[in-house]
N, C-alpha and C. Protein backbone atom coordinates (compact mmCIF):
# COMPACT_ATOMS: atom_id res chain seq x y z
N MET A 1 48.86 -103.65 37.57
CA MET A 1 47.91 -103.56 38.43
C MET A 1 46.32 -103.68 38.52
N GLU A 2 45.67 -104.08 39.21
CA GLU A 2 44.16 -104.59 38.99
C GLU A 2 43.20 -103.00 38.65
N GLN A 3 42.23 -103.28 38.00
CA GLN A 3 41.61 -102.21 37.65
C GLN A 3 40.78 -101.58 39.12
N GLY A 4 40.62 -100.35 39.03
CA GLY A 4 39.95 -99.73 40.18
C GLY A 4 40.95 -99.74 41.25
N VAL A 5 41.99 -100.04 41.55
CA VAL A 5 43.03 -99.92 42.20
C VAL A 5 43.95 -98.97 41.85
N TYR A 6 43.77 -97.70 42.10
CA TYR A 6 44.59 -96.32 42.00
C TYR A 6 46.02 -95.73 42.96
N SER A 7 47.00 -95.57 42.38
CA SER A 7 48.46 -95.57 43.07
C SER A 7 47.86 -93.38 43.50
N GLU A 8 47.87 -92.97 44.25
CA GLU A 8 47.99 -91.67 44.48
C GLU A 8 49.16 -90.62 43.65
N THR A 9 50.00 -91.59 42.94
CA THR A 9 51.13 -91.12 42.28
C THR A 9 51.18 -90.96 40.69
N ASP A 10 49.68 -91.65 40.07
CA ASP A 10 49.09 -91.97 38.72
C ASP A 10 49.50 -90.32 38.30
N VAL A 11 50.00 -90.81 36.62
CA VAL A 11 49.99 -89.67 35.73
C VAL A 11 48.92 -89.85 35.37
N ILE A 12 47.72 -89.29 34.67
CA ILE A 12 46.96 -90.09 33.91
C ILE A 12 46.23 -88.65 32.89
N THR A 13 45.75 -88.98 32.07
CA THR A 13 44.98 -87.84 30.70
C THR A 13 43.68 -87.27 31.21
N ILE A 14 43.40 -86.70 30.61
CA ILE A 14 41.70 -86.71 30.80
C ILE A 14 40.59 -87.24 30.52
N PRO A 15 40.85 -88.14 29.27
CA PRO A 15 39.96 -89.48 29.27
C PRO A 15 39.91 -90.75 30.21
N GLU A 16 41.82 -91.14 30.67
CA GLU A 16 41.78 -91.71 31.91
C GLU A 16 40.71 -91.09 32.82
N LEU A 17 41.27 -89.95 33.48
CA LEU A 17 40.40 -89.20 34.44
C LEU A 17 38.81 -89.39 34.45
N ALA A 18 38.18 -89.22 32.66
CA ALA A 18 36.54 -89.57 32.77
C ALA A 18 36.16 -90.69 33.38
N LYS A 19 37.24 -91.85 32.95
CA LYS A 19 36.95 -92.89 33.11
C LYS A 19 36.81 -93.34 34.72
N ARG A 20 37.82 -92.79 35.75
CA ARG A 20 37.94 -93.19 37.06
C ARG A 20 36.64 -92.67 38.09
N ILE A 21 36.21 -91.17 36.82
CA ILE A 21 35.12 -90.62 37.75
C ILE A 21 33.92 -91.01 37.16
N LYS A 22 33.96 -91.37 36.54
CA LYS A 22 32.92 -92.22 35.51
C LYS A 22 31.97 -90.90 35.11
N VAL A 23 32.14 -90.11 33.95
CA VAL A 23 31.47 -89.30 33.93
C VAL A 23 32.02 -89.16 31.97
N ASP A 24 31.44 -88.51 31.11
CA ASP A 24 31.65 -88.53 29.77
C ASP A 24 33.18 -87.86 29.69
N LYS A 25 33.62 -87.37 28.46
CA LYS A 25 34.96 -87.09 28.47
C LYS A 25 34.63 -85.46 28.67
N ASN A 26 33.72 -85.12 27.82
CA ASN A 26 33.48 -83.76 27.41
C ASN A 26 33.34 -83.21 29.48
N LYS A 27 32.50 -83.68 30.08
CA LYS A 27 32.26 -83.38 31.39
C LYS A 27 33.68 -83.16 32.28
N ALA A 28 34.83 -83.91 32.10
CA ALA A 28 36.23 -84.39 32.24
C ALA A 28 36.46 -83.10 32.07
N TYR A 29 36.59 -82.74 30.80
CA TYR A 29 37.37 -81.47 30.34
C TYR A 29 36.69 -80.48 31.15
N ASP A 30 35.49 -80.49 31.07
CA ASP A 30 34.85 -79.24 32.36
C ASP A 30 35.54 -79.21 33.30
N ILE A 31 35.77 -80.19 33.79
CA ILE A 31 35.78 -80.14 35.76
C ILE A 31 37.70 -79.52 35.46
N THR A 32 38.20 -79.88 34.54
CA THR A 32 39.58 -79.41 34.36
C THR A 32 39.84 -78.15 34.01
N PHE A 33 39.08 -77.24 33.54
CA PHE A 33 39.19 -76.36 33.23
C PHE A 33 38.21 -75.48 34.80
N GLN A 34 38.49 -75.86 35.64
CA GLN A 34 37.86 -74.87 36.61
C GLN A 34 38.75 -74.38 37.00
N PRO A 35 39.07 -73.13 37.81
CA PRO A 35 40.10 -72.66 38.66
C PRO A 35 40.44 -73.58 39.60
N GLY A 36 41.65 -74.02 39.78
CA GLY A 36 42.55 -74.18 41.03
C GLY A 36 42.89 -75.89 40.82
N CYS A 37 42.01 -76.36 39.28
CA CYS A 37 42.38 -77.73 39.09
C CYS A 37 43.59 -77.82 38.18
N PRO A 38 44.27 -79.14 39.17
CA PRO A 38 45.76 -79.48 38.79
C PRO A 38 46.03 -80.24 37.69
N VAL A 39 45.60 -79.13 36.56
CA VAL A 39 46.20 -80.03 35.39
C VAL A 39 47.63 -79.31 34.74
N TYR A 40 48.28 -80.17 34.52
CA TYR A 40 49.90 -79.94 33.83
C TYR A 40 49.32 -79.92 32.66
N ASP A 41 50.07 -78.97 31.39
CA ASP A 41 50.48 -79.04 30.26
C ASP A 41 51.40 -79.21 29.83
N LEU A 42 51.56 -80.20 29.16
CA LEU A 42 52.69 -80.21 28.17
C LEU A 42 52.81 -79.97 26.89
N GLY A 43 51.90 -79.50 26.55
CA GLY A 43 51.91 -79.05 25.37
C GLY A 43 51.32 -79.77 24.26
N GLY A 44 50.97 -79.09 23.15
CA GLY A 44 49.55 -79.80 22.27
C GLY A 44 48.58 -79.90 22.53
N GLU A 45 47.95 -81.09 21.64
CA GLU A 45 46.43 -80.56 21.90
C GLU A 45 45.83 -81.55 22.70
N ARG A 46 46.92 -82.65 22.83
CA ARG A 46 46.62 -84.07 23.72
C ARG A 46 47.48 -84.02 25.14
N GLY A 47 48.28 -82.98 25.36
CA GLY A 47 49.42 -83.00 26.35
C GLY A 47 48.59 -82.45 27.86
N LYS A 48 47.82 -82.55 27.82
CA LYS A 48 47.43 -82.26 29.26
C LYS A 48 47.47 -83.42 30.30
N ARG A 49 48.31 -83.31 31.46
CA ARG A 49 47.82 -84.78 32.43
C ARG A 49 47.78 -83.94 33.93
N ILE A 50 46.95 -85.08 34.81
CA ILE A 50 46.96 -85.13 36.30
C ILE A 50 47.41 -85.90 37.15
N ILE A 51 47.99 -85.47 38.17
CA ILE A 51 47.99 -86.51 38.76
C ILE A 51 47.27 -86.80 39.89
N TRP A 52 47.20 -87.84 39.69
CA TRP A 52 45.69 -88.57 40.54
C TRP A 52 45.48 -88.10 42.05
N GLY A 53 46.50 -88.05 42.59
CA GLY A 53 46.68 -88.09 44.49
C GLY A 53 46.11 -86.54 44.37
N ASP A 54 46.31 -85.67 43.62
CA ASP A 54 46.47 -84.39 43.35
C ASP A 54 44.96 -83.45 42.83
N PHE A 55 45.02 -84.31 41.85
CA PHE A 55 43.28 -84.43 41.57
C PHE A 55 42.08 -84.74 42.56
N LEU A 56 42.17 -85.50 43.34
CA LEU A 56 41.56 -86.39 44.35
C LEU A 56 41.50 -85.13 45.38
N GLY A 57 42.82 -84.80 45.96
CA GLY A 57 42.32 -83.48 47.09
C GLY A 57 41.77 -82.54 46.19
N TRP A 58 42.13 -81.94 45.44
CA TRP A 58 41.02 -80.90 44.96
C TRP A 58 39.72 -81.35 44.81
N PHE A 59 39.65 -82.12 44.21
CA PHE A 59 38.14 -82.66 43.85
C PHE A 59 37.44 -82.46 45.08
N ARG A 60 37.87 -83.27 45.99
CA ARG A 60 36.87 -83.55 47.51
C ARG A 60 36.97 -82.01 48.06
N ASN A 61 37.50 -81.15 47.69
CA ASN A 61 37.34 -79.61 48.65
C ASN A 61 36.58 -79.15 47.67
N ARG A 62 37.04 -79.36 46.22
CA ARG A 62 35.86 -78.30 45.41
C ARG A 62 34.13 -79.16 45.21
N TYR A 63 34.25 -80.19 45.59
CA TYR A 63 32.55 -81.02 45.18
C TYR A 63 32.40 -81.48 46.90
N LYS A 64 30.92 -81.45 47.13
CA LYS A 64 30.18 -81.51 48.64
C LYS A 64 29.81 -82.91 48.61
N ILE A 65 29.80 -83.60 49.27
CA ILE A 65 29.02 -85.10 49.56
C ILE A 65 27.51 -84.90 48.78
N ALA A 66 27.04 -86.00 48.63
CA ALA A 66 25.70 -85.53 47.96
C ALA A 66 24.80 -85.62 48.78
N SER A 67 24.99 -86.08 49.82
CA SER A 67 23.93 -86.09 51.17
C SER A 67 24.08 -84.87 51.86
N GLY A 68 24.71 -83.96 51.15
CA GLY A 68 25.00 -82.77 51.78
C GLY A 68 25.20 -82.20 52.98
N GLU A 69 25.71 -83.57 53.60
CA GLU A 69 27.15 -82.97 54.97
C GLU A 69 28.45 -82.47 54.58
């Protein structure tokens, strides 16, 4: 798969999420702790996963476009 071309069904880790939305890893963890964020906990210290398409829908509804529209 080409870099930057993502499938809606990709299952990703929080560090991968950070790279995709271009924030540092700590900010990505902060985002995933917000109410309603679609994070799946598989257990263990590094067991959190996100389905990319689910996250995108939630993210678009949660955050506003920077232009204020």
